[in-house]
């Protein structure tokens, strides 16, 4: 797959305790992105954050949270991202989960797998 030039970055902010049918919501989102044929997805954990409740969640030992922020980033062509957004809305609804979803314009410099892969 060749992906160059202008694309969209879909960024999803959720909590690590968000689940869908006892599976972490971030895992479900990444698997659904793969099933949808998107170029790639990465889920990563934040060390500190807060959302609409203004409750600080942190990985500090003295204030260990069980709901650290999780960010999922997906980059692909605008048309593919647009097709994935209804899937994402459905997952949030099924999980009865809140979160934040943003889209940004990005410029892809390079997207390829290694020659040995």
N, C-alpha and C. Protein backbone atom coordinates (compact mmCIF):
# COMPACT_ATOMS: atom_id res chain seq x y z
N UNK A 1 0.84 -1.18 0.00
CA UNK A 1 0.00 0.00 0.00
C UNK A 1 0.88 1.24 0.00
N UNK A 2 0.57 2.16 -0.86
CA UNK A 2 1.31 3.41 -0.88
C UNK A 2 0.41 4.50 -0.33
N UNK A 3 0.96 5.26 0.57
CA UNK A 3 0.24 6.35 1.20
C UNK A 3 1.19 7.52 1.26
N UNK A 4 0.87 8.60 0.53
CA UNK A 4 1.74 9.77 0.49
C UNK A 4 0.89 11.02 0.47
N UNK A 5 1.50 12.11 0.87
CA UNK A 5 0.84 13.40 0.77
C UNK A 5 -0.14 13.66 1.89
N UNK A 6 -1.18 14.38 1.57
CA UNK A 6 -2.15 14.80 2.57
C UNK A 6 -3.02 13.64 3.03
N UNK A 7 -3.22 13.57 4.34
CA UNK A 7 -4.05 12.53 4.93
C UNK A 7 -4.70 13.11 6.18
N UNK A 8 -5.43 12.28 6.89
CA UNK A 8 -6.08 12.71 8.13
C UNK A 8 -5.59 11.85 9.29
N UNK A 9 -5.44 12.50 10.44
CA UNK A 9 -5.09 11.84 11.68
C UNK A 9 -6.33 11.85 12.57
N UNK A 10 -6.81 10.67 12.89
CA UNK A 10 -7.93 10.51 13.80
C UNK A 10 -7.33 10.18 15.17
N UNK A 11 -7.60 11.02 16.16
CA UNK A 11 -7.05 10.83 17.50
C UNK A 11 -8.21 10.64 18.46
N UNK A 12 -8.14 9.56 19.24
CA UNK A 12 -9.23 9.18 20.14
C UNK A 12 -8.68 9.11 21.56
N UNK A 13 -9.30 9.84 22.47
CA UNK A 13 -8.90 9.86 23.87
C UNK A 13 -9.96 9.11 24.68
N UNK A 14 -9.56 8.07 25.39
CA UNK A 14 -10.47 7.32 26.25
C UNK A 14 -9.73 6.97 27.54
N UNK A 15 -10.39 6.26 28.43
CA UNK A 15 -9.76 5.78 29.65
C UNK A 15 -9.46 4.30 29.54
N UNK A 16 -8.41 3.86 30.24
CA UNK A 16 -8.03 2.46 30.13
C UNK A 16 -9.07 1.53 30.75
N UNK A 17 -9.96 2.04 31.58
CA UNK A 17 -11.00 1.18 32.16
C UNK A 17 -12.22 1.05 31.25
N UNK A 18 -12.27 1.79 30.14
CA UNK A 18 -13.39 1.67 29.21
C UNK A 18 -13.35 0.31 28.54
N UNK A 19 -14.49 -0.38 28.58
CA UNK A 19 -14.57 -1.75 28.06
C UNK A 19 -15.78 -1.92 27.15
N UNK A 20 -15.67 -2.89 26.28
CA UNK A 20 -16.79 -3.33 25.45
C UNK A 20 -16.81 -4.86 25.53
N UNK A 21 -17.87 -5.39 26.13
CA UNK A 21 -17.97 -6.85 26.34
C UNK A 21 -16.72 -7.41 27.03
N UNK A 22 -16.28 -6.76 28.08
CA UNK A 22 -15.15 -7.17 28.91
C UNK A 22 -13.80 -7.10 28.21
N UNK A 23 -13.73 -6.43 27.07
CA UNK A 23 -12.48 -6.23 26.34
C UNK A 23 -12.17 -4.74 26.36
N UNK A 24 -10.91 -4.40 26.57
CA UNK A 24 -10.51 -2.98 26.60
C UNK A 24 -10.96 -2.30 25.31
N UNK A 25 -11.61 -1.15 25.44
CA UNK A 25 -12.15 -0.43 24.28
C UNK A 25 -11.04 -0.06 23.30
N UNK A 26 -9.86 0.30 23.81
CA UNK A 26 -8.76 0.65 22.89
C UNK A 26 -8.40 -0.54 22.01
N UNK A 27 -8.45 -1.74 22.57
CA UNK A 27 -8.14 -2.95 21.79
C UNK A 27 -9.20 -3.18 20.73
N UNK A 28 -10.46 -2.99 21.09
CA UNK A 28 -11.55 -3.16 20.14
C UNK A 28 -11.41 -2.16 19.00
N UNK A 29 -11.10 -0.90 19.33
CA UNK A 29 -10.97 0.14 18.30
C UNK A 29 -9.83 -0.19 17.34
N UNK A 30 -8.67 -0.60 17.87
CA UNK A 30 -7.53 -0.93 17.00
C UNK A 30 -7.88 -2.12 16.10
N UNK A 31 -8.52 -3.13 16.65
CA UNK A 31 -8.90 -4.30 15.83
C UNK A 31 -9.92 -3.93 14.76
N UNK A 32 -10.86 -3.06 15.10
CA UNK A 32 -11.86 -2.62 14.11
C UNK A 32 -11.20 -1.77 13.02
N UNK A 33 -10.21 -0.98 13.38
CA UNK A 33 -9.48 -0.18 12.39
C UNK A 33 -8.76 -1.12 11.42
N UNK A 34 -8.19 -2.17 11.93
CA UNK A 34 -7.51 -3.15 11.07
C UNK A 34 -8.51 -3.83 10.15
N UNK A 35 -9.64 -4.22 10.72
CA UNK A 35 -10.68 -4.88 9.93
C UNK A 35 -11.20 -3.95 8.83
N UNK A 36 -11.22 -2.65 9.10
CA UNK A 36 -11.69 -1.67 8.13
C UNK A 36 -10.64 -1.36 7.05
N UNK A 37 -9.46 -1.95 7.18
CA UNK A 37 -8.42 -1.75 6.18
C UNK A 37 -7.68 -0.44 6.29
N UNK A 38 -7.70 0.17 7.46
CA UNK A 38 -6.97 1.43 7.65
C UNK A 38 -5.47 1.17 7.66
N UNK A 39 -4.70 2.18 7.33
CA UNK A 39 -3.26 2.04 7.15
C UNK A 39 -2.54 1.61 8.42
N UNK A 40 -3.01 2.03 9.57
CA UNK A 40 -2.36 1.66 10.82
C UNK A 40 -3.01 2.36 11.99
N UNK A 41 -2.82 1.81 13.17
CA UNK A 41 -3.37 2.39 14.39
C UNK A 41 -2.39 2.11 15.52
N UNK A 42 -2.27 3.07 16.41
CA UNK A 42 -1.41 2.92 17.58
C UNK A 42 -2.19 3.37 18.80
N UNK A 43 -2.17 2.54 19.85
CA UNK A 43 -2.77 2.91 21.13
C UNK A 43 -1.62 3.08 22.12
N UNK A 44 -1.64 4.18 22.83
CA UNK A 44 -0.61 4.40 23.82
C UNK A 44 -1.21 4.96 25.09
N UNK A 45 -0.51 4.72 26.18
CA UNK A 45 -1.01 5.10 27.50
C UNK A 45 -0.38 6.41 27.96
N UNK A 46 -1.22 7.28 28.47
CA UNK A 46 -0.73 8.53 29.03
C UNK A 46 -0.33 8.32 30.48
N UNK A 47 0.55 9.16 30.99
CA UNK A 47 0.99 9.05 32.38
C UNK A 47 0.19 9.94 33.32
N UNK A 48 -0.51 10.93 32.73
CA UNK A 48 -1.32 11.82 33.55
C UNK A 48 -2.30 12.55 32.66
N UNK A 49 -3.49 12.81 33.17
CA UNK A 49 -4.46 13.56 32.38
C UNK A 49 -5.75 13.79 33.15
N UNK A 50 -6.63 14.58 32.54
CA UNK A 50 -7.98 14.74 33.08
C UNK A 50 -8.90 15.04 31.92
N UNK A 51 -10.18 14.81 32.13
CA UNK A 51 -11.18 15.03 31.10
C UNK A 51 -12.32 15.86 31.64
N UNK A 52 -13.55 15.60 31.16
CA UNK A 52 -14.69 16.44 31.53
C UNK A 52 -15.00 16.47 33.02
N UNK A 53 -14.62 15.42 33.76
CA UNK A 53 -14.88 15.41 35.20
C UNK A 53 -13.85 16.22 35.98
N UNK A 54 -12.76 16.61 35.32
CA UNK A 54 -11.63 17.33 35.92
C UNK A 54 -10.89 16.51 36.98
N UNK A 55 -11.18 15.22 37.05
CA UNK A 55 -10.47 14.34 37.98
C UNK A 55 -9.12 13.98 37.38
N UNK A 56 -8.04 14.26 38.11
CA UNK A 56 -6.69 13.95 37.64
C UNK A 56 -6.47 12.44 37.74
N UNK A 57 -5.97 11.88 36.66
CA UNK A 57 -5.59 10.46 36.63
C UNK A 57 -4.10 10.42 36.35
N UNK A 58 -3.39 9.66 37.19
CA UNK A 58 -1.94 9.66 37.09
C UNK A 58 -1.35 8.28 37.36
N UNK A 59 -0.13 8.08 36.88
CA UNK A 59 0.56 6.81 37.12
C UNK A 59 1.54 6.92 38.29
N UNK A 60 1.54 8.06 38.98
CA UNK A 60 2.43 8.23 40.14
C UNK A 60 2.07 7.19 41.20
N UNK A 61 3.07 6.62 41.83
CA UNK A 61 2.88 5.56 42.83
C UNK A 61 1.95 5.99 43.96
N UNK A 62 2.08 7.22 44.47
CA UNK A 62 1.27 7.65 45.60
C UNK A 62 -0.19 7.91 45.23
N UNK A 63 -0.47 8.08 43.95
CA UNK A 63 -1.82 8.43 43.52
C UNK A 63 -2.20 7.56 42.32
N UNK A 64 -1.93 6.27 42.41
CA UNK A 64 -2.09 5.37 41.28
C UNK A 64 -3.55 5.28 40.84
N UNK A 65 -3.80 5.61 39.60
CA UNK A 65 -5.14 5.56 39.02
C UNK A 65 -5.32 4.23 38.30
N UNK A 66 -6.55 3.75 38.31
CA UNK A 66 -6.87 2.54 37.55
C UNK A 66 -7.53 2.92 36.23
N UNK A 67 -7.49 4.20 35.90
CA UNK A 67 -8.13 4.65 34.67
C UNK A 67 -7.25 5.69 33.97
N UNK A 68 -6.04 5.29 33.62
CA UNK A 68 -5.12 6.20 32.94
C UNK A 68 -5.65 6.54 31.55
N UNK A 69 -5.23 7.69 31.03
CA UNK A 69 -5.67 8.05 29.69
C UNK A 69 -5.04 7.13 28.64
N UNK A 70 -5.82 6.79 27.63
CA UNK A 70 -5.35 6.03 26.48
C UNK A 70 -5.63 6.88 25.24
N UNK A 71 -4.65 6.97 24.36
CA UNK A 71 -4.81 7.71 23.12
C UNK A 71 -4.61 6.73 21.97
N UNK A 72 -5.54 6.73 21.04
CA UNK A 72 -5.42 5.89 19.84
C UNK A 72 -5.28 6.84 18.66
N UNK A 73 -4.25 6.63 17.84
CA UNK A 73 -4.05 7.45 16.66
C UNK A 73 -4.13 6.57 15.42
N UNK A 74 -4.89 7.05 14.45
CA UNK A 74 -5.07 6.35 13.19
C UNK A 74 -4.85 7.37 12.07
N UNK A 75 -3.98 7.02 11.11
CA UNK A 75 -3.73 7.91 9.98
C UNK A 75 -4.07 7.18 8.70
N UNK A 76 -4.83 7.84 7.83
CA UNK A 76 -5.15 7.28 6.52
C UNK A 76 -5.76 8.38 5.66
N UNK A 77 -6.14 7.99 4.45
CA UNK A 77 -6.80 8.93 3.54
C UNK A 77 -8.10 9.41 4.17
N UNK A 78 -8.48 10.63 3.84
CA UNK A 78 -9.68 11.23 4.42
C UNK A 78 -10.91 10.36 4.20
N UNK A 79 -11.06 9.80 3.01
CA UNK A 79 -12.25 8.99 2.71
C UNK A 79 -12.34 7.76 3.61
N UNK A 80 -11.21 7.13 3.90
CA UNK A 80 -11.23 5.95 4.77
C UNK A 80 -11.51 6.33 6.23
N UNK A 81 -10.94 7.44 6.66
CA UNK A 81 -11.21 7.92 8.02
C UNK A 81 -12.70 8.26 8.16
N UNK A 82 -13.26 8.92 7.15
CA UNK A 82 -14.68 9.28 7.17
C UNK A 82 -15.57 8.04 7.28
N UNK A 83 -15.20 6.96 6.62
CA UNK A 83 -15.97 5.72 6.69
C UNK A 83 -15.85 5.05 8.05
N UNK A 84 -14.75 5.30 8.75
CA UNK A 84 -14.53 4.66 10.05
C UNK A 84 -15.24 5.39 11.19
N UNK A 85 -15.53 6.65 11.03
CA UNK A 85 -16.14 7.44 12.12
C UNK A 85 -17.48 6.86 12.58
N UNK A 86 -18.39 6.44 11.69
CA UNK A 86 -19.63 5.82 12.19
C UNK A 86 -19.37 4.53 12.98
N UNK A 87 -18.36 3.77 12.59
CA UNK A 87 -17.98 2.56 13.33
C UNK A 87 -17.55 2.96 14.73
N UNK A 88 -16.74 4.00 14.81
CA UNK A 88 -16.26 4.50 16.10
C UNK A 88 -17.42 4.97 16.98
N UNK A 89 -18.35 5.72 16.39
CA UNK A 89 -19.52 6.18 17.16
C UNK A 89 -20.30 4.99 17.71
N UNK A 90 -20.46 3.95 16.90
CA UNK A 90 -21.17 2.75 17.31
C UNK A 90 -20.45 2.06 18.48
N UNK A 91 -19.12 2.00 18.42
CA UNK A 91 -18.36 1.38 19.50
C UNK A 91 -18.51 2.15 20.81
N UNK A 92 -18.46 3.48 20.73
CA UNK A 92 -18.66 4.31 21.92
C UNK A 92 -20.06 4.08 22.51
N UNK A 93 -21.05 4.00 21.65
CA UNK A 93 -22.42 3.79 22.11
C UNK A 93 -22.57 2.43 22.78
N UNK A 94 -22.05 1.39 22.14
CA UNK A 94 -22.14 0.04 22.70
C UNK A 94 -21.39 -0.07 24.02
N UNK A 95 -20.27 0.63 24.14
CA UNK A 95 -19.46 0.58 25.37
C UNK A 95 -20.03 1.51 26.44
N UNK A 96 -20.99 2.35 26.06
CA UNK A 96 -21.52 3.37 26.98
C UNK A 96 -20.36 4.16 27.58
N UNK A 97 -19.50 4.60 26.68
CA UNK A 97 -18.26 5.25 27.08
C UNK A 97 -18.21 6.68 26.56
N UNK A 98 -17.54 7.52 27.32
CA UNK A 98 -17.27 8.87 26.87
C UNK A 98 -15.88 8.93 26.28
N UNK A 99 -15.51 10.07 25.78
CA UNK A 99 -14.18 10.23 25.22
C UNK A 99 -14.12 11.51 24.40
N UNK A 100 -13.01 11.67 23.72
CA UNK A 100 -12.81 12.82 22.85
C UNK A 100 -12.23 12.30 21.55
N UNK A 101 -12.77 12.77 20.43
CA UNK A 101 -12.29 12.35 19.12
C UNK A 101 -11.96 13.62 18.33
N UNK A 102 -10.76 13.66 17.77
CA UNK A 102 -10.35 14.81 16.96
C UNK A 102 -9.82 14.32 15.61
N UNK A 103 -9.85 15.21 14.64
CA UNK A 103 -9.29 14.94 13.33
C UNK A 103 -8.39 16.11 12.95
N UNK A 104 -7.21 15.78 12.43
CA UNK A 104 -6.28 16.80 11.97
C UNK A 104 -5.80 16.45 10.57
N UNK A 105 -5.45 17.49 9.83
CA UNK A 105 -4.81 17.28 8.53
C UNK A 105 -3.33 17.02 8.80
N UNK A 106 -2.79 15.98 8.15
CA UNK A 106 -1.37 15.67 8.29
C UNK A 106 -0.76 15.46 6.91
N UNK A 107 0.54 15.59 6.86
CA UNK A 107 1.30 15.36 5.63
C UNK A 107 2.13 14.10 5.84
N UNK A 108 1.88 13.07 5.05
CA UNK A 108 2.65 11.83 5.17
C UNK A 108 3.94 11.98 4.37
N UNK A 109 5.05 11.77 5.04
CA UNK A 109 6.37 11.86 4.44
C UNK A 109 6.79 10.49 3.92
N UNK A 110 6.56 9.47 4.72
CA UNK A 110 6.94 8.11 4.34
C UNK A 110 6.02 7.13 5.04
N UNK A 111 5.58 6.11 4.31
CA UNK A 111 4.78 5.02 4.87
C UNK A 111 5.15 3.77 4.10
N UNK A 112 5.89 2.89 4.75
CA UNK A 112 6.27 1.64 4.10
C UNK A 112 6.67 0.63 5.14
N UNK A 113 6.64 -0.64 4.75
CA UNK A 113 7.17 -1.65 5.65
C UNK A 113 8.62 -1.93 5.26
N UNK A 114 9.34 -2.59 6.17
CA UNK A 114 10.75 -2.84 5.91
C UNK A 114 10.93 -3.81 4.76
N UNK A 115 12.04 -3.72 4.03
CA UNK A 115 12.26 -4.61 2.88
C UNK A 115 12.25 -6.09 3.25
N UNK A 116 12.59 -6.42 4.52
CA UNK A 116 12.63 -7.82 4.94
C UNK A 116 11.28 -8.35 5.39
N UNK A 117 10.28 -7.48 5.50
CA UNK A 117 8.97 -7.90 6.01
C UNK A 117 8.16 -8.61 4.94
